[in-house]
Amino acid sequence: MKTKSITCQCGRIVECHSFTNTCDCGRDYNWAGRLRAPRSQWGEETGEHWADIANIDSTPIYRLFNDDY
């Protein structure tokens, strides 16, 4: 699977290979390179804890979006 590279708002390059990809400046991006909400807001509407969401990083993207695996 090809990794997407994006330029963070701070100017650094971020490789988007996981569900959550964190720049050295602290901004988080999703696998498609879209800026995510600050971690302090994670789970606010759905009741998840940020650690629950961060644990999904160990799951390959193809498994998140394909029920055959």
PDB file of N, CA and C in Angstrom:
ATOM      1  N   MET A   1       0.845  -1.172   0.000  1.00  0.00           N
ATOM      2  CA  MET A   1       0.000   0.000   0.000  1.00  0.00           C
ATOM      3  C   MET A   1       0.893   1.239   0.000  1.00  0.00           C
ATOM      4  N   LYS A   2       0.577   2.188  -0.845  1.00  0.00           N
ATOM      5  CA  LYS A   2       1.357   3.405  -0.967  1.00  0.00           C
ATOM      6  C   LYS A   2       1.011   4.369   0.167  1.00  0.00           C
ATOM      7  N   THR A   3       2.034   4.999   0.727  1.00  0.00           N
ATOM      8  CA  THR A   3       1.847   5.959   1.812  1.00  0.00           C
ATOM      9  C   THR A   3       1.669   7.354   1.238  1.00  0.00           C
ATOM     10  N   LYS A   4       0.713   8.081   1.759  1.00  0.00           N
ATOM     11  CA  LYS A   4       0.469   9.457   1.329  1.00  0.00           C
ATOM     12  C   LYS A   4       1.340  10.388   2.169  1.00  0.00           C
ATOM     13  N   SER A   5       1.992  11.343   1.517  1.00  0.00           N
ATOM     14  CA  SER A   5       2.786  12.361   2.200  1.00  0.00           C
ATOM     15  C   SER A   5       2.067  13.691   2.078  1.00  0.00           C
ATOM     16  N   ILE A   6       1.968  14.406   3.184  1.00  0.00           N
ATOM     17  CA  ILE A   6       1.342  15.727   3.159  1.00  0.00           C
ATOM     18  C   ILE A   6       2.271  16.727   3.838  1.00  0.00           C
ATOM     19  N   THR A   7       2.041  17.996   3.597  1.00  0.00           N
ATOM     20  CA  THR A   7       2.778  19.047   4.276  1.00  0.00           C
ATOM     21  C   THR A   7       1.880  19.599   5.374  1.00  0.00           C
ATOM     22  N   CYS A   8       2.345  19.488   6.608  1.00  0.00           N
ATOM     23  CA  CYS A   8       1.605  19.991   7.763  1.00  0.00           C
ATOM     24  C   CYS A   8       1.511  21.512   7.691  1.00  0.00           C
ATOM     25  N   GLN A   9       0.598  22.065   8.447  1.00  0.00           N
ATOM     26  CA  GLN A   9       0.454  23.515   8.517  1.00  0.00           C
ATOM     27  C   GLN A   9       1.731  24.184   9.009  1.00  0.00           C
ATOM     28  N   CYS A  10       2.569  23.449   9.731  1.00  0.00           N
ATOM     29  CA  CYS A  10       3.822  24.006  10.243  1.00  0.00           C
ATOM     30  C   CYS A  10       4.941  23.933   9.204  1.00  0.00           C
ATOM     31  N   GLY A  11       4.689  23.218   8.095  1.00  0.00           N
ATOM     32  CA  GLY A  11       5.681  23.095   7.037  1.00  0.00           C
ATOM     33  C   GLY A  11       6.419  21.766   6.991  1.00  0.00           C
ATOM     34  N   ARG A  12       6.262  20.931   8.021  1.00  0.00           N
ATOM     35  CA  ARG A  12       6.925  19.623   8.031  1.00  0.00           C
ATOM     36  C   ARG A  12       6.155  18.625   7.166  1.00  0.00           C
ATOM     37  N   ILE A  13       6.861  17.612   6.674  1.00  0.00           N
ATOM     38  CA  ILE A  13       6.242  16.537   5.901  1.00  0.00           C
ATOM     39  C   ILE A  13       5.753  15.461   6.867  1.00  0.00           C
ATOM     40  N   VAL A  14       4.523  14.992   6.673  1.00  0.00           N
ATOM     41  CA  VAL A  14       3.937  13.939   7.497  1.00  0.00           C
ATOM     42  C   VAL A  14       3.557  12.779   6.578  1.00  0.00           C
ATOM     43  N   GLU A  15       4.012  11.584   6.920  1.00  0.00           N
ATOM     44  CA  GLU A  15       3.642  10.363   6.193  1.00  0.00           C
ATOM     45  C   GLU A  15       2.347   9.838   6.805  1.00  0.00           C
ATOM     46  N   CYS A  16       1.307   9.706   5.992  1.00  0.00           N
ATOM     47  CA  CYS A  16      -0.001   9.266   6.482  1.00  0.00           C
ATOM     48  C   CYS A  16      -0.188   7.783   6.170  1.00  0.00           C
ATOM     49  N   HIS A  17       0.300   6.947   7.059  1.00  0.00           N
ATOM     50  CA  HIS A  17       0.274   5.502   6.860  1.00  0.00           C
ATOM     51  C   HIS A  17      -0.629   4.790   7.858  1.00  0.00           C
ATOM     52  N   SER A  18      -1.159   5.522   8.833  1.00  0.00           N
ATOM     53  CA  SER A  18      -1.992   4.931   9.879  1.00  0.00           C
ATOM     54  C   SER A  18      -3.301   5.698   9.996  1.00  0.00           C
ATOM     55  N   PHE A  19      -4.163   5.215  10.857  1.00  0.00           N
ATOM     56  CA  PHE A  19      -5.433   5.896  11.117  1.00  0.00           C
ATOM     57  C   PHE A  19      -5.193   7.294  11.664  1.00  0.00           C
ATOM     58  N   THR A  20      -4.203   7.432  12.550  1.00  0.00           N
ATOM     59  CA  THR A  20      -3.802   8.719  13.102  1.00  0.00           C
ATOM     60  C   THR A  20      -2.308   8.899  12.870  1.00  0.00           C
ATOM     61  N   ASN A  21      -1.920  10.049  12.309  1.00  0.00           N
ATOM     62  CA  ASN A  21      -0.523  10.351  11.995  1.00  0.00           C
ATOM     63  C   ASN A  21      -0.199  11.696  12.614  1.00  0.00           C
ATOM     64  N   THR A  22       0.773  11.728  13.514  1.00  0.00           N
ATOM     65  CA  THR A  22       1.071  12.923  14.276  1.00  0.00           C
ATOM     66  C   THR A  22       2.344  13.586  13.786  1.00  0.00           C
ATOM     67  N   CYS A  23       2.250  14.882  13.526  1.00  0.00           N
ATOM     68  CA  CYS A  23       3.411  15.679  13.146  1.00  0.00           C
ATOM     69  C   CYS A  23       4.218  15.985  14.408  1.00  0.00           C
ATOM     70  N   ASP A  24       5.478  16.313  14.233  1.00  0.00           N
ATOM     71  CA  ASP A  24       6.317  16.685  15.372  1.00  0.00           C
ATOM     72  C   ASP A  24       5.768  17.899  16.109  1.00  0.00           C
ATOM     73  N   CYS A  25       4.980  18.733  15.423  1.00  0.00           N
ATOM     74  CA  CYS A  25       4.406  19.929  16.058  1.00  0.00           C
ATOM     75  C   CYS A  25       3.194  19.590  16.922  1.00  0.00           C
ATOM     76  N   GLY A  26       2.669  18.355  16.795  1.00  0.00           N
ATOM     77  CA  GLY A  26       1.548  17.928  17.622  1.00  0.00           C
ATOM     78  C   GLY A  26       0.223  17.816  16.891  1.00  0.00           C
ATOM     79  N   ARG A  27       0.129  18.311  15.652  1.00  0.00           N
ATOM     80  CA  ARG A  27      -1.111  18.180  14.898  1.00  0.00           C
ATOM     81  C   ARG A  27      -1.276  16.731  14.446  1.00  0.00           C
ATOM     82  N   ASP A  28      -2.533  16.269  14.445  1.00  0.00           N
ATOM     83  CA  ASP A  28      -2.848  14.911  14.012  1.00  0.00           C
ATOM     84  C   ASP A  28      -3.575  14.953  12.672  1.00  0.00           C
ATOM     85  N   TYR A  29      -3.231  13.996  11.809  1.00  0.00           N
ATOM     86  CA  TYR A  29      -3.863  13.854  10.503  1.00  0.00           C
ATOM     87  C   TYR A  29      -4.371  12.435  10.357  1.00  0.00           C
ATOM     88  N   ASN A  30      -5.462  12.270   9.584  1.00  0.00           N
ATOM     89  CA  ASN A  30      -5.966  10.917   9.362  1.00  0.00           C
ATOM     90  C   ASN A  30      -5.207  10.262   8.219  1.00  0.00           C
ATOM     91  N   TRP A  31      -5.583   9.050   7.852  1.00  0.00           N
ATOM     92  CA  TRP A  31      -4.882   8.286   6.815  1.00  0.00           C
ATOM     93  C   TRP A  31      -4.947   8.954   5.459  1.00  0.00           C
ATOM     94  N   ALA A  32      -5.954   9.820   5.235  1.00  0.00           N
ATOM     95  CA  ALA A  32      -6.100  10.508   3.953  1.00  0.00           C
ATOM     96  C   ALA A  32      -5.403  11.870   3.941  1.00  0.00           C
ATOM     97  N   GLY A  33      -4.808  12.242   5.072  1.00  0.00           N
ATOM     98  CA  GLY A  33      -4.095  13.510   5.135  1.00  0.00           C
ATOM     99  C   GLY A  33      -4.936  14.682   5.608  1.00  0.00           C
ATOM    100  N   ARG A  34      -6.116  14.411   6.133  1.00  0.00           N
ATOM    101  CA  ARG A  34      -6.976  15.484   6.636  1.00  0.00           C
ATOM    102  C   ARG A  34      -6.669  15.755   8.114  1.00  0.00           C
ATOM    103  N   LEU A  35      -6.626  17.036   8.451  1.00  0.00           N
ATOM    104  CA  LEU A  35      -6.350  17.438   9.832  1.00  0.00           C
ATOM    105  C   LEU A  35      -7.463  16.944  10.747  1.00  0.00           C
ATOM    106  N   ARG A  36      -7.070  16.319  11.841  1.00  0.00           N
ATOM    107  CA  ARG A  36      -8.036  15.834  12.828  1.00  0.00           C
ATOM    108  C   ARG A  36      -8.211  16.871  13.925  1.00  0.00           C
ATOM    109  N   ALA A  37      -9.279  16.741  14.660  1.00  0.00           N
ATOM    110  CA  ALA A  37      -9.541  17.618  15.795  1.00  0.00           C
ATOM    111  C   ALA A  37      -8.467  17.412  16.860  1.00  0.00           C
ATOM    112  N   PRO A  38      -8.251  18.397  17.712  1.00  0.00           N
ATOM    113  CA  PRO A  38      -7.295  18.222  18.812  1.00  0.00           C
ATOM    114  C   PRO A  38      -7.689  17.025  19.685  1.00  0.00           C
ATOM    115  N   ARG A  39      -6.710  16.339  20.210  1.00  0.00           N
ATOM    116  CA  ARG A  39      -6.973  15.137  21.018  1.00  0.00           C
ATOM    117  C   ARG A  39      -7.873  15.409  22.219  1.00  0.00           C
ATOM    118  N   SER A  40      -7.854  16.622  22.716  1.00  0.00           N
ATOM    119  CA  SER A  40      -8.718  16.954  23.848  1.00  0.00           C
ATOM    120  C   SER A  40     -10.198  16.846  23.477  1.00  0.00           C
ATOM    121  N   GLN A  41     -10.508  16.865  22.187  1.00  0.00           N
ATOM    122  CA  GLN A  41     -11.896  16.765  21.731  1.00  0.00           C
ATOM    123  C   GLN A  41     -12.268  15.361  21.265  1.00  0.00           C
ATOM    124  N   TRP A  42     -11.297  14.462  21.191  1.00  0.00           N
ATOM    125  CA  TRP A  42     -11.585  13.114  20.711  1.00  0.00           C
ATOM    126  C   TRP A  42     -12.583  12.421  21.620  1.00  0.00           C
ATOM    127  N   GLY A  43     -13.593  11.825  21.016  1.00  0.00           N
ATOM    128  CA  GLY A  43     -14.585  11.061  21.760  1.00  0.00           C
ATOM    129  C   GLY A  43     -15.636  11.894  22.462  1.00  0.00           C
ATOM    130  N   GLU A  44     -15.564  13.195  22.313  1.00  0.00           N
ATOM    131  CA  GLU A  44     -16.503  14.074  23.011  1.00  0.00           C
ATOM    132  C   GLU A  44     -17.953  13.744  22.673  1.00  0.00           C
ATOM    133  N   GLU A  45     -18.238  13.492  21.405  1.00  0.00           N
ATOM    134  CA  GLU A  45     -19.609  13.220  20.987  1.00  0.00           C
ATOM    135  C   GLU A  45     -19.981  11.749  21.088  1.00  0.00           C
ATOM    136  N   THR A  46     -18.999  10.860  20.979  1.00  0.00           N
ATOM    137  CA  THR A  46     -19.303   9.434  20.930  1.00  0.00           C
ATOM    138  C   THR A  46     -18.934   8.667  22.187  1.00  0.00           C
ATOM    139  N   GLY A  47     -18.264   9.302  23.130  1.00  0.00           N
ATOM    140  CA  GLY A  47     -17.941   8.659  24.389  1.00  0.00           C
ATOM    141  C   GLY A  47     -16.652   7.866  24.400  1.00  0.00           C
ATOM    142  N   GLU A  48     -15.891   7.857  23.284  1.00  0.00           N
ATOM    143  CA  GLU A  48     -14.628   7.139  23.296  1.00  0.00           C
ATOM    144  C   GLU A  48     -13.593   7.936  24.071  1.00  0.00           C
ATOM    145  N   HIS A  49     -12.639   7.223  24.581  1.00  0.00           N
ATOM    146  CA  HIS A  49     -11.474   7.848  25.196  1.00  0.00           C
ATOM    147  C   HIS A  49     -10.418   7.946  24.114  1.00  0.00           C
ATOM    148  N   TRP A  50      -9.562   8.977  24.138  1.00  0.00           N
ATOM    149  CA  TRP A  50      -8.563   9.156  23.075  1.00  0.00           C
ATOM    150  C   TRP A  50      -7.651   7.942  22.954  1.00  0.00           C
ATOM    151  N   ALA A  51      -7.408   7.238  24.059  1.00  0.00           N
ATOM    152  CA  ALA A  51      -6.546   6.051  24.003  1.00  0.00           C
ATOM    153  C   ALA A  51      -7.211   4.932  23.196  1.00  0.00           C
ATOM    154  N   ASP A  52      -8.541   4.821  23.271  1.00  0.00           N
ATOM    155  CA  ASP A  52      -9.249   3.827  22.471  1.00  0.00           C
ATOM    156  C   ASP A  52      -9.079   4.120  20.988  1.00  0.00           C
ATOM    157  N   ILE A  53      -9.171   5.369  20.618  1.00  0.00           N
ATOM    158  CA  ILE A  53      -9.033   5.763  19.225  1.00  0.00           C
ATOM    159  C   ILE A  53      -7.594   5.564  18.770  1.00  0.00           C
ATOM    160  N   ALA A  54      -6.622   5.895  19.603  1.00  0.00           N
ATOM    161  CA  ALA A  54      -5.216   5.758  19.245  1.00  0.00           C
ATOM    162  C   ALA A  54      -4.836   4.293  19.051  1.00  0.00           C
ATOM    163  N   ASN A  55      -5.489   3.372  19.747  1.00  0.00           N
ATOM    164  CA  ASN A  55      -5.180   1.946  19.618  1.00  0.00           C
ATOM    165  C   ASN A  55      -5.483   1.406  18.230  1.00  0.00           C
ATOM    166  N   ILE A  56      -6.323   2.069  17.497  1.00  0.00           N
ATOM    167  CA  ILE A  56      -6.658   1.615  16.152  1.00  0.00           C
ATOM    168  C   ILE A  56      -5.455   1.730  15.222  1.00  0.00           C
ATOM    169  N   ASP A  57      -4.421   2.495  15.614  1.00  0.00           N
ATOM    170  CA  ASP A  57      -3.226   2.668  14.787  1.00  0.00           C
ATOM    171  C   ASP A  57      -2.532   1.354  14.477  1.00  0.00           C
ATOM    172  N   SER A  58      -2.692   0.363  15.300  1.00  0.00           N
ATOM    173  CA  SER A  58      -2.024  -0.913  15.054  1.00  0.00           C
ATOM    174  C   SER A  58      -2.763  -1.759  14.026  1.00  0.00           C
ATOM    175  N   THR A  59      -3.930  -1.311  13.590  1.00  0.00           N
ATOM    176  CA  THR A  59      -4.707  -2.039  12.598  1.00  0.00           C
ATOM    177  C   THR A  59      -4.426  -1.487  11.209  1.00  0.00           C
ATOM    178  N   PRO A  60      -4.018  -2.346  10.254  1.00  0.00           N
ATOM    179  CA  PRO A  60      -3.780  -1.862   8.889  1.00  0.00           C
ATOM    180  C   PRO A  60      -5.048  -1.248   8.298  1.00  0.00           C
ATOM    181  N   ILE A  61      -4.882  -0.236   7.492  1.00  0.00           N
ATOM    182  CA  ILE A  61      -6.019   0.486   6.917  1.00  0.00           C
ATOM    183  C   ILE A  61      -6.942  -0.449   6.144  1.00  0.00           C
ATOM    184  N   TYR A  62      -6.375  -1.383   5.379  1.00  0.00           N
ATOM    185  CA  TYR A  62      -7.234  -2.256   4.576  1.00  0.00           C
ATOM    186  C   TYR A  62      -8.168  -3.086   5.452  1.00  0.00           C
ATOM    187  N   ARG A  63      -7.784  -3.344   6.687  1.00  0.00           N
ATOM    188  CA  ARG A  63      -8.651  -4.114   7.586  1.00  0.00           C
ATOM    189  C   ARG A  63      -9.768  -3.240   8.161  1.00  0.00           C
ATOM    190  N   LEU A  64      -9.523  -1.930   8.243  1.00  0.00           N
ATOM    191  CA  LEU A  64     -10.542  -1.036   8.777  1.00  0.00           C
ATOM    192  C   LEU A  64     -11.712  -0.889   7.808  1.00  0.00           C
ATOM    193  N   PHE A  65     -11.420  -0.989   6.516  1.00  0.00           N
ATOM    194  CA  PHE A  65     -12.441  -0.694   5.507  1.00  0.00           C
ATOM    195  C   PHE A  65     -12.826  -1.903   4.669  1.00  0.00           C
ATOM    196  N   ASN A  66     -12.422  -3.096   5.073  1.00  0.00           N
ATOM    197  CA  ASN A  66     -12.748  -4.291   4.315  1.00  0.00           C
ATOM    198  C   ASN A  66     -13.125  -5.403   5.279  1.00  0.00           C
ATOM    199  N   ASP A  67     -14.373  -5.822   5.245  1.00  0.00           N
ATOM    200  CA  ASP A  67     -14.871  -6.849   6.164  1.00  0.00           C
ATOM    201  C   ASP A  67     -14.380  -8.254   5.835  1.00  0.00           C
ATOM    202  N   ASP A  68     -13.727  -8.444   4.672  1.00  0.00           N
ATOM    203  CA  ASP A  68     -13.288  -9.767   4.267  1.00  0.00           C
ATOM    204  C   ASP A  68     -12.066 -10.240   5.048  1.00  0.00           C
ATOM    205  N   TYR A  69     -11.404  -9.358   5.795  1.00  0.00           N
ATOM    206  CA  TYR A  69     -10.186  -9.724   6.513  1.00  0.00           C
ATOM    207  C   TYR A  69     -10.462  -9.957   7.960  1.00  0.00           C
TER     208      TYR A  69
END
